[in-house]
Amino acid sequence: MDDNLLKFFIAATAFAVVLQALVLVALYLAVRKSSAKMEALALEVTSRTLPTMETVHSMLVELRPKIEIIATNLSDSTNLVRNQLGRIDATLTDALDRARLQVIRADELLNRTMDKVEDTTDIVHRTVVSPLRQVNGLMAAITTGVEVLFGQKKRPRKNGAGVPQDEMFI
């Protein structure tokens, strides 16, 4: 029985080896078929994209000087704008400083004018109004004295009757 068992294992091993060889051959054929399809696909992609790539390359070669000119112009324009903004800033700063100075000067002028008006008002009051009041009071006193002296003005009675003006107020 040992001999039969050995023959059975040898036959099973041989069958497994043949089966493995068939699987390997099938795998080889499938890979070769896939490889052929991949090569055909790569050729098709290359044939379609290569002209496009050449067109893009030629466009880039043609556009490169123009792009460089645009970049140079943009850089020059940026520098020009920056310089102009610097000048505008300096001008506006100068104008604001001058305006600030003028406002300060106008404020000082207004303050001086108001001080002079107040001083003038005080002087007019001291030299004109006060003396006029004093003269007016003096004239009223002299007029009353003269009226009393010449008897033109009667003295109010002391019997409780007030001045006719005072009687009107209740």
N, C-alpha and C. Protein backbone atom coordinates (compact mmCIF):
# COMPACT_ATOMS: atom_id res chain seq x y z
N MET A 1 0.78 -1.14 0.00
CA MET A 1 0.00 0.00 0.00
C MET A 1 0.86 1.26 0.00
N ASP A 2 1.98 1.08 0.50
CA ASP A 2 2.90 2.19 0.47
C ASP A 2 3.23 2.58 -0.95
N ASP A 3 3.33 1.61 -1.80
CA ASP A 3 3.67 1.88 -3.18
C ASP A 3 2.52 2.60 -3.88
N ASN A 4 1.31 2.25 -3.59
CA ASN A 4 0.16 2.92 -4.19
C ASN A 4 0.02 4.36 -3.69
N LEU A 5 0.30 4.51 -2.44
CA LEU A 5 0.22 5.84 -1.86
C LEU A 5 1.27 6.75 -2.48
N LEU A 6 2.45 6.21 -2.70
CA LEU A 6 3.53 6.99 -3.32
C LEU A 6 3.14 7.35 -4.75
N LYS A 7 2.58 6.45 -5.49
CA LYS A 7 2.17 6.73 -6.85
C LYS A 7 1.06 7.81 -6.86
N PHE A 8 0.15 7.70 -5.90
CA PHE A 8 -0.92 8.68 -5.83
C PHE A 8 -0.36 10.09 -5.58
N PHE A 9 0.59 10.20 -4.65
CA PHE A 9 1.18 11.52 -4.36
C PHE A 9 1.99 12.05 -5.53
N ILE A 10 2.68 11.15 -6.24
CA ILE A 10 3.45 11.58 -7.41
C ILE A 10 2.48 12.07 -8.48
N ALA A 11 1.37 11.36 -8.70
CA ALA A 11 0.39 11.76 -9.70
C ALA A 11 -0.25 13.10 -9.31
N ALA A 12 -0.57 13.28 -8.03
CA ALA A 12 -1.17 14.52 -7.56
C ALA A 12 -0.19 15.68 -7.74
N THR A 13 1.07 15.44 -7.43
CA THR A 13 2.10 16.47 -7.58
C THR A 13 2.26 16.82 -9.04
N ALA A 14 2.29 15.81 -9.92
CA ALA A 14 2.44 16.06 -11.35
C ALA A 14 1.24 16.86 -11.86
N PHE A 15 0.05 16.47 -11.42
CA PHE A 15 -1.13 17.20 -11.83
C PHE A 15 -1.06 18.67 -11.36
N ALA A 16 -0.61 18.89 -10.12
CA ALA A 16 -0.49 20.25 -9.57
C ALA A 16 0.54 21.06 -10.36
N VAL A 17 1.66 20.41 -10.76
CA VAL A 17 2.70 21.11 -11.51
C VAL A 17 2.15 21.48 -12.89
N VAL A 18 1.45 20.56 -13.55
CA VAL A 18 0.89 20.85 -14.87
C VAL A 18 -0.16 21.97 -14.75
N LEU A 19 -0.98 21.87 -13.72
CA LEU A 19 -1.99 22.90 -13.50
C LEU A 19 -1.32 24.27 -13.27
N GLN A 20 -0.25 24.25 -12.50
CA GLN A 20 0.48 25.49 -12.24
C GLN A 20 1.11 26.04 -13.52
N ALA A 21 1.61 25.17 -14.34
CA ALA A 21 2.21 25.60 -15.61
C ALA A 21 1.13 26.19 -16.51
N LEU A 22 -0.06 25.58 -16.55
CA LEU A 22 -1.15 26.11 -17.35
C LEU A 22 -1.58 27.50 -16.84
N VAL A 23 -1.64 27.69 -15.54
CA VAL A 23 -2.00 28.98 -14.96
C VAL A 23 -0.94 30.02 -15.35
N LEU A 24 0.33 29.63 -15.28
CA LEU A 24 1.41 30.54 -15.65
C LEU A 24 1.33 30.91 -17.12
N VAL A 25 1.03 29.95 -17.98
CA VAL A 25 0.91 30.23 -19.42
C VAL A 25 -0.27 31.18 -19.65
N ALA A 26 -1.41 30.93 -18.95
CA ALA A 26 -2.58 31.80 -19.08
C ALA A 26 -2.24 33.21 -18.59
N LEU A 27 -1.53 33.31 -17.50
CA LEU A 27 -1.10 34.61 -16.98
C LEU A 27 -0.19 35.31 -17.96
N TYR A 28 0.74 34.57 -18.56
CA TYR A 28 1.66 35.14 -19.54
C TYR A 28 0.88 35.70 -20.73
N LEU A 29 -0.10 34.93 -21.22
CA LEU A 29 -0.88 35.37 -22.37
C LEU A 29 -1.73 36.61 -22.02
N ALA A 30 -2.28 36.64 -20.81
CA ALA A 30 -3.10 37.79 -20.38
C ALA A 30 -2.23 39.03 -20.24
N VAL A 31 -1.04 38.87 -19.68
CA VAL A 31 -0.14 40.02 -19.52
C VAL A 31 0.32 40.51 -20.88
N ARG A 32 0.60 39.60 -21.79
CA ARG A 32 1.03 40.00 -23.13
C ARG A 32 -0.09 40.74 -23.86
N LYS A 33 -1.31 40.26 -23.70
CA LYS A 33 -2.44 40.92 -24.33
C LYS A 33 -2.64 42.31 -23.71
N SER A 34 -2.57 42.44 -22.39
CA SER A 34 -2.69 43.74 -21.70
C SER A 34 -1.56 44.67 -22.09
N SER A 35 -0.39 44.12 -22.21
CA SER A 35 0.78 44.92 -22.60
C SER A 35 0.59 45.49 -24.00
N ALA A 36 0.07 44.67 -24.90
CA ALA A 36 -0.17 45.15 -26.26
C ALA A 36 -1.22 46.26 -26.25
N LYS A 37 -2.28 46.07 -25.46
CA LYS A 37 -3.30 47.12 -25.37
C LYS A 37 -2.71 48.40 -24.75
N MET A 38 -1.87 48.27 -23.75
CA MET A 38 -1.25 49.44 -23.11
C MET A 38 -0.33 50.17 -24.08
N GLU A 39 0.42 49.42 -24.86
CA GLU A 39 1.31 50.05 -25.84
C GLU A 39 0.49 50.79 -26.90
N ALA A 40 -0.61 50.18 -27.34
CA ALA A 40 -1.47 50.84 -28.32
C ALA A 40 -2.07 52.11 -27.72
N LEU A 41 -2.50 52.03 -26.48
CA LEU A 41 -3.06 53.19 -25.80
C LEU A 41 -2.00 54.28 -25.61
N ALA A 42 -0.78 53.90 -25.26
CA ALA A 42 0.31 54.86 -25.10
C ALA A 42 0.64 55.52 -26.42
N LEU A 43 0.62 54.74 -27.50
CA LEU A 43 0.87 55.33 -28.83
C LEU A 43 -0.24 56.31 -29.21
N GLU A 44 -1.47 55.96 -28.91
CA GLU A 44 -2.58 56.85 -29.23
C GLU A 44 -2.49 58.15 -28.42
N VAL A 45 -2.19 58.04 -27.13
CA VAL A 45 -2.05 59.23 -26.29
C VAL A 45 -0.89 60.08 -26.79
N THR A 46 0.19 59.43 -27.11
CA THR A 46 1.36 60.17 -27.62
C THR A 46 1.03 60.85 -28.93
N SER A 47 0.34 60.14 -29.80
CA SER A 47 0.03 60.74 -31.11
C SER A 47 -0.95 61.91 -30.97
N ARG A 48 -1.81 61.88 -29.97
CA ARG A 48 -2.76 62.96 -29.79
C ARG A 48 -2.17 64.13 -28.99
N THR A 49 -1.39 63.82 -28.00
CA THR A 49 -0.88 64.89 -27.14
C THR A 49 0.41 65.51 -27.65
N LEU A 50 1.18 64.79 -28.41
CA LEU A 50 2.45 65.33 -28.90
C LEU A 50 2.25 66.57 -29.77
N PRO A 51 1.31 66.56 -30.72
CA PRO A 51 1.10 67.80 -31.48
C PRO A 51 0.62 68.95 -30.58
N THR A 52 -0.22 68.62 -29.63
CA THR A 52 -0.70 69.64 -28.71
C THR A 52 0.46 70.19 -27.88
N MET A 53 1.31 69.33 -27.42
CA MET A 53 2.48 69.76 -26.64
C MET A 53 3.41 70.60 -27.50
N GLU A 54 3.56 70.20 -28.76
CA GLU A 54 4.42 70.99 -29.65
C GLU A 54 3.80 72.36 -29.91
N THR A 55 2.47 72.39 -30.04
CA THR A 55 1.78 73.67 -30.25
C THR A 55 1.95 74.56 -29.01
N VAL A 56 1.77 73.96 -27.85
CA VAL A 56 1.92 74.72 -26.60
C VAL A 56 3.36 75.22 -26.48
N HIS A 57 4.30 74.38 -26.80
CA HIS A 57 5.72 74.77 -26.71
C HIS A 57 6.01 75.92 -27.67
N SER A 58 5.49 75.81 -28.90
CA SER A 58 5.74 76.88 -29.87
C SER A 58 5.06 78.19 -29.43
N MET A 59 3.86 78.08 -28.85
CA MET A 59 3.18 79.26 -28.34
C MET A 59 3.98 79.90 -27.21
N LEU A 60 4.50 79.07 -26.32
CA LEU A 60 5.31 79.60 -25.21
C LEU A 60 6.57 80.27 -25.73
N VAL A 61 7.17 79.67 -26.76
CA VAL A 61 8.37 80.28 -27.34
C VAL A 61 8.02 81.62 -27.97
N GLU A 62 6.88 81.69 -28.66
CA GLU A 62 6.47 82.95 -29.28
C GLU A 62 6.05 83.99 -28.24
N LEU A 63 5.37 83.55 -27.18
CA LEU A 63 4.83 84.49 -26.20
C LEU A 63 5.84 84.91 -25.14
N ARG A 64 6.92 84.19 -25.00
CA ARG A 64 7.89 84.50 -23.96
C ARG A 64 8.41 85.94 -24.05
N PRO A 65 8.84 86.43 -25.21
CA PRO A 65 9.30 87.83 -25.26
C PRO A 65 8.18 88.82 -24.91
N LYS A 66 6.96 88.51 -25.36
CA LYS A 66 5.85 89.41 -25.05
C LYS A 66 5.54 89.41 -23.55
N ILE A 67 5.60 88.24 -22.95
CA ILE A 67 5.38 88.14 -21.50
C ILE A 67 6.47 88.89 -20.75
N GLU A 68 7.70 88.78 -21.21
CA GLU A 68 8.80 89.51 -20.56
C GLU A 68 8.59 91.02 -20.70
N ILE A 69 8.12 91.47 -21.87
CA ILE A 69 7.85 92.90 -22.07
C ILE A 69 6.72 93.35 -21.14
N ILE A 70 5.68 92.53 -21.04
CA ILE A 70 4.56 92.87 -20.16
C ILE A 70 5.04 92.96 -18.72
N ALA A 71 5.87 92.01 -18.30
CA ALA A 71 6.39 92.02 -16.92
C ALA A 71 7.25 93.26 -16.68
N THR A 72 8.08 93.61 -17.67
CA THR A 72 8.91 94.81 -17.53
C THR A 72 8.05 96.07 -17.46
N ASN A 73 7.05 96.16 -18.34
CA ASN A 73 6.15 97.32 -18.33
C ASN A 73 5.39 97.41 -17.01
N LEU A 74 4.95 96.28 -16.51
CA LEU A 74 4.23 96.26 -15.24
C LEU A 74 5.14 96.73 -14.10
N SER A 75 6.36 96.29 -14.12
CA SER A 75 7.33 96.72 -13.10
C SER A 75 7.58 98.22 -13.20
N ASP A 76 7.78 98.72 -14.43
CA ASP A 76 7.99 100.16 -14.61
C ASP A 76 6.77 100.96 -14.16
N SER A 77 5.58 100.48 -14.53
CA SER A 77 4.35 101.17 -14.13
C SER A 77 4.21 101.19 -12.61
N THR A 78 4.53 100.09 -11.98
CA THR A 78 4.45 100.02 -10.52
C THR A 78 5.40 101.02 -9.88
N ASN A 79 6.62 101.10 -10.41
CA ASN A 79 7.58 102.08 -9.87
C ASN A 79 7.08 103.50 -10.09
N LEU A 80 6.52 103.77 -11.26
CA LEU A 80 6.00 105.11 -11.56
C LEU A 80 4.85 105.47 -10.61
N VAL A 81 3.93 104.54 -10.43
CA VAL A 81 2.80 104.78 -9.53
C VAL A 81 3.30 105.00 -8.10
N ARG A 82 4.27 104.21 -7.67
CA ARG A 82 4.82 104.36 -6.32
C ARG A 82 5.45 105.75 -6.16
N ASN A 83 6.21 106.20 -7.17
CA ASN A 83 6.82 107.53 -7.10
C ASN A 83 5.76 108.63 -7.08
N GLN A 84 4.73 108.49 -7.92
CA GLN A 84 3.66 109.49 -7.96
C GLN A 84 2.91 109.53 -6.62
N LEU A 85 2.66 108.37 -6.04
CA LEU A 85 1.99 108.34 -4.74
C LEU A 85 2.85 109.00 -3.67
N GLY A 86 4.16 108.83 -3.76
CA GLY A 86 5.06 109.50 -2.83
C GLY A 86 4.97 111.01 -2.97
N ARG A 87 4.91 111.48 -4.22
CA ARG A 87 4.79 112.93 -4.46
C ARG A 87 3.44 113.45 -3.95
N ILE A 88 2.39 112.70 -4.23
CA ILE A 88 1.06 113.11 -3.76
C ILE A 88 1.04 113.16 -2.23
N ASP A 89 1.63 112.17 -1.60
CA ASP A 89 1.68 112.14 -0.14
C ASP A 89 2.43 113.36 0.39
N ALA A 90 3.56 113.67 -0.22
CA ALA A 90 4.33 114.85 0.21
C ALA A 90 3.52 116.12 0.01
N THR A 91 2.84 116.24 -1.12
CA THR A 91 2.04 117.43 -1.40
C THR A 91 0.89 117.57 -0.41
N LEU A 92 0.19 116.47 -0.16
CA LEU A 92 -0.92 116.52 0.79
C LEU A 92 -0.44 116.82 2.20
N THR A 93 0.69 116.26 2.57
CA THR A 93 1.24 116.54 3.90
C THR A 93 1.59 118.03 4.02
N ASP A 94 2.21 118.58 2.97
CA ASP A 94 2.56 120.01 2.98
C ASP A 94 1.29 120.86 3.06
N ALA A 95 0.27 120.50 2.26
CA ALA A 95 -0.98 121.27 2.26
C ALA A 95 -1.65 121.21 3.64
N LEU A 96 -1.66 120.04 4.25
CA LEU A 96 -2.27 119.90 5.58
C LEU A 96 -1.49 120.71 6.62
N ASP A 97 -0.16 120.70 6.52
CA ASP A 97 0.64 121.50 7.45
C ASP A 97 0.34 122.98 7.28
N ARG A 98 0.24 123.43 6.03
CA ARG A 98 -0.06 124.84 5.78
C ARG A 98 -1.47 125.19 6.28
N ALA A 99 -2.41 124.32 6.02
CA ALA A 99 -3.78 124.58 6.48
C ALA A 99 -3.82 124.63 8.00
N ARG A 100 -3.11 123.73 8.65
CA ARG A 100 -3.06 123.71 10.10
C ARG A 100 -2.47 125.02 10.62
N LEU A 101 -1.39 125.50 9.98
CA LEU A 101 -0.78 126.78 10.36
C LEU A 101 -1.77 127.93 10.19
N GLN A 102 -2.49 127.94 9.08
CA GLN A 102 -3.45 129.01 8.83
C GLN A 102 -4.58 128.99 9.86
N VAL A 103 -5.02 127.80 10.23
CA VAL A 103 -6.07 127.69 11.25
C VAL A 103 -5.55 128.23 12.58
N ILE A 104 -4.32 127.90 12.91
CA ILE A 104 -3.73 128.40 14.16
C ILE A 104 -3.63 129.92 14.11
N ARG A 105 -3.17 130.44 12.97
CA ARG A 105 -3.06 131.89 12.84
C ARG A 105 -4.44 132.55 12.94
N ALA A 106 -5.44 131.99 12.28
CA ALA A 106 -6.79 132.56 12.34
C ALA A 106 -7.33 132.50 13.77
N ASP A 107 -7.06 131.43 14.48
CA ASP A 107 -7.50 131.30 15.87
C ASP A 107 -6.82 132.37 16.73
N GLU A 108 -5.52 132.54 16.54
CA GLU A 108 -4.81 133.58 17.31
C GLU A 108 -5.35 134.96 16.97
N LEU A 109 -5.60 135.24 15.68
CA LEU A 109 -6.14 136.53 15.26
C LEU A 109 -7.50 136.77 15.90
N LEU A 110 -8.36 135.75 15.87
CA LEU A 110 -9.69 135.87 16.47
C LEU A 110 -9.58 136.10 17.98
N ASN A 111 -8.69 135.39 18.64
CA ASN A 111 -8.51 135.58 20.09
C ASN A 111 -8.02 136.99 20.39
N ARG A 112 -7.05 137.47 19.61
CA ARG A 112 -6.55 138.83 19.82
C ARG A 112 -7.65 139.85 19.58
N THR A 113 -8.45 139.63 18.51
CA THR A 113 -9.54 140.55 18.21
C THR A 113 -10.56 140.57 19.35
N MET A 114 -10.93 139.40 19.83
CA MET A 114 -11.89 139.32 20.94
C MET A 114 -11.33 139.99 22.19
N ASP A 115 -10.04 139.79 22.47
CA ASP A 115 -9.42 140.47 23.62
C ASP A 115 -9.47 141.98 23.45
N LYS A 116 -9.18 142.47 22.24
CA LYS A 116 -9.22 143.92 21.99
C LYS A 116 -10.64 144.46 22.11
N VAL A 117 -11.63 143.70 21.62
CA VAL A 117 -13.02 144.12 21.75
C VAL A 117 -13.39 144.23 23.23
N GLU A 118 -12.99 143.24 24.03
CA GLU A 118 -13.27 143.28 25.46
C GLU A 118 -12.57 144.47 26.11
N ASP A 119 -11.30 144.67 25.74
CA ASP A 119 -10.56 145.82 26.31
C ASP A 119 -11.23 147.13 25.91
N THR A 120 -11.63 147.24 24.63
CA THR A 120 -12.28 148.45 24.15
C THR A 120 -13.60 148.67 24.88
N THR A 121 -14.36 147.59 25.09
CA THR A 121 -15.63 147.69 25.82
C THR A 121 -15.38 148.19 27.23
N ASP A 122 -14.36 147.64 27.89
CA ASP A 122 -14.04 148.10 29.25
C ASP A 122 -13.63 149.57 29.24
N ILE A 123 -12.81 149.97 28.28
CA ILE A 123 -12.35 151.35 28.20
C ILE A 123 -13.53 152.29 27.94
N VAL A 124 -14.41 151.91 26.98
CA VAL A 124 -15.59 152.73 26.68
C VAL A 124 -16.46 152.83 27.93
N HIS A 125 -16.63 151.74 28.63
CA HIS A 125 -17.45 151.75 29.83
C HIS A 125 -16.84 152.67 30.89
N ARG A 126 -15.52 152.56 31.08
CA ARG A 126 -14.86 153.39 32.09
C ARG A 126 -14.79 154.86 31.69
N THR A 127 -14.52 155.12 30.40
CA THR A 127 -14.29 156.50 29.99
C THR A 127 -15.54 157.21 29.50
N VAL A 128 -16.53 156.50 29.01
CA VAL A 128 -17.71 157.15 28.45
C VAL A 128 -18.95 156.89 29.29
N VAL A 129 -19.30 155.63 29.50
CA VAL A 129 -20.57 155.29 30.13
C VAL A 129 -20.58 155.71 31.60
N SER A 130 -19.55 155.35 32.35
CA SER A 130 -19.52 155.70 33.78
C SER A 130 -19.52 157.22 33.96
N PRO A 131 -18.66 157.95 33.25
CA PRO A 131 -18.74 159.40 33.42
C PRO A 131 -20.09 159.96 32.99
N LEU A 132 -20.69 159.40 31.91
CA LEU A 132 -22.01 159.88 31.50
C LEU A 132 -23.04 159.63 32.59
N ARG A 133 -22.99 158.52 33.24
CA ARG A 133 -23.92 158.23 34.34
C ARG A 133 -23.69 159.21 35.48
N GLN A 134 -22.40 159.41 35.75
CA GLN A 134 -22.11 160.35 36.83
C GLN A 134 -22.60 161.75 36.46
N VAL A 135 -22.33 162.18 35.22
CA VAL A 135 -22.79 163.50 34.77
C VAL A 135 -24.31 163.53 34.78
N ASN A 136 -24.95 162.46 34.32
CA ASN A 136 -26.41 162.37 34.31
C ASN A 136 -26.95 162.48 35.73
N GLY A 137 -26.33 161.76 36.65
CA GLY A 137 -26.75 161.85 38.05
C GLY A 137 -26.54 163.25 38.61
N LEU A 138 -25.39 163.82 38.27
CA LEU A 138 -25.09 165.17 38.73
C LEU A 138 -26.11 166.16 38.15
N MET A 139 -26.42 166.03 36.86
CA MET A 139 -27.40 166.92 36.21
C MET A 139 -28.78 166.74 36.84
N ALA A 140 -29.14 165.46 37.13
CA ALA A 140 -30.43 165.22 37.77
C ALA A 140 -30.46 165.89 39.14
N ALA A 141 -29.35 165.80 39.85
CA ALA A 141 -29.29 166.43 41.18
C ALA A 141 -29.37 167.95 41.06
N ILE A 142 -28.64 168.52 40.12
CA ILE A 142 -28.67 169.97 39.93
C ILE A 142 -30.07 170.40 39.52
N THR A 143 -30.71 169.65 38.57
CA THR A 143 -32.05 169.99 38.11
C THR A 143 -33.02 169.94 39.28
N THR A 144 -32.94 168.89 40.08
CA THR A 144 -33.84 168.77 41.23
C THR A 144 -33.59 169.90 42.21
N GLY A 145 -32.29 170.19 42.43
CA GLY A 145 -31.95 171.28 43.36
C GLY A 145 -32.48 172.61 42.86
N VAL A 146 -32.36 172.89 41.57
CA VAL A 146 -32.83 174.15 41.00
C VAL A 146 -34.35 174.19 41.09
N GLU A 147 -35.05 173.07 40.78
CA GLU A 147 -36.51 173.04 40.84
C GLU A 147 -36.99 173.28 42.26
N VAL A 148 -36.31 172.65 43.19
CA VAL A 148 -36.71 172.83 44.58
C VAL A 148 -36.43 174.28 45.00
N LEU A 149 -35.31 174.79 44.55
CA LEU A 149 -34.93 176.16 44.90
C LEU A 149 -35.94 177.16 44.35
N PHE A 150 -36.36 176.98 43.14
CA PHE A 150 -37.30 177.92 42.53
C PHE A 150 -38.75 177.53 42.79
N GLY A 151 -39.00 176.43 43.46
CA GLY A 151 -40.33 176.06 43.86
C GLY A 151 -41.14 175.43 42.75
N GLN A 152 -40.55 174.96 41.75
CA GLN A 152 -41.32 174.35 40.67
C GLN A 152 -41.73 172.92 41.03
N LYS A 153 -41.06 172.32 41.93
CA LYS A 153 -41.37 170.94 42.27
C LYS A 153 -41.88 170.92 43.69
N LYS A 154 -43.00 170.31 43.88
CA LYS A 154 -43.57 170.25 45.20
C LYS A 154 -43.09 169.00 45.87
N ARG A 155 -42.95 169.14 47.17
CA ARG A 155 -42.51 167.99 47.94
C ARG A 155 -43.70 167.08 48.18
N PRO A 156 -43.47 165.76 48.15
CA PRO A 156 -44.58 164.86 48.43
C PRO A 156 -45.04 164.99 49.88
N ARG A 157 -46.34 164.75 50.04
CA ARG A 157 -46.89 164.84 51.39
C ARG A 157 -46.50 163.62 52.18
N LYS A 158 -46.38 163.83 53.48
CA LYS A 158 -45.95 162.75 54.35
C LYS A 158 -47.14 162.06 55.01
N ASN A 159 -48.31 162.27 54.59
CA ASN A 159 -49.49 161.71 55.23
C ASN A 159 -49.80 160.29 54.76
N GLY A 160 -48.91 159.63 54.15
CA GLY A 160 -49.11 158.25 53.73
C GLY A 160 -49.46 158.11 52.29
N ALA A 161 -49.80 159.20 51.63
CA ALA A 161 -50.11 159.12 50.22
C ALA A 161 -48.79 159.06 49.47
N GLY A 162 -48.70 158.13 48.60
CA GLY A 162 -47.44 157.97 47.87
C GLY A 162 -47.46 158.77 46.59
N VAL A 163 -46.47 158.56 45.85
CA VAL A 163 -46.34 159.19 44.55
C VAL A 163 -47.42 158.61 43.66
N PRO A 164 -48.01 159.44 42.77
CA PRO A 164 -49.10 158.92 41.94
C PRO A 164 -48.67 157.68 41.16
N GLN A 165 -47.45 157.59 40.81
CA GLN A 165 -47.00 156.37 40.10
C GLN A 165 -47.10 155.16 41.00
N ASP A 166 -46.72 155.33 42.24
CA ASP A 166 -46.73 154.21 43.16
C ASP A 166 -48.14 153.74 43.48
N GLU A 167 -49.09 154.61 43.36
CA GLU A 167 -50.46 154.23 43.64
C GLU A 167 -51.02 153.30 42.57
N MET A 168 -50.47 153.36 41.38
CA MET A 168 -50.98 152.52 40.31
C MET A 168 -50.62 151.05 40.52
N PHE A 169 -49.55 150.78 41.22
CA PHE A 169 -49.14 149.40 41.46
C PHE A 169 -49.78 148.86 42.70
N ILE A 170 -50.29 147.71 42.63
CA ILE A 170 -50.96 147.12 43.79
C ILE A 170 -50.11 145.96 44.26
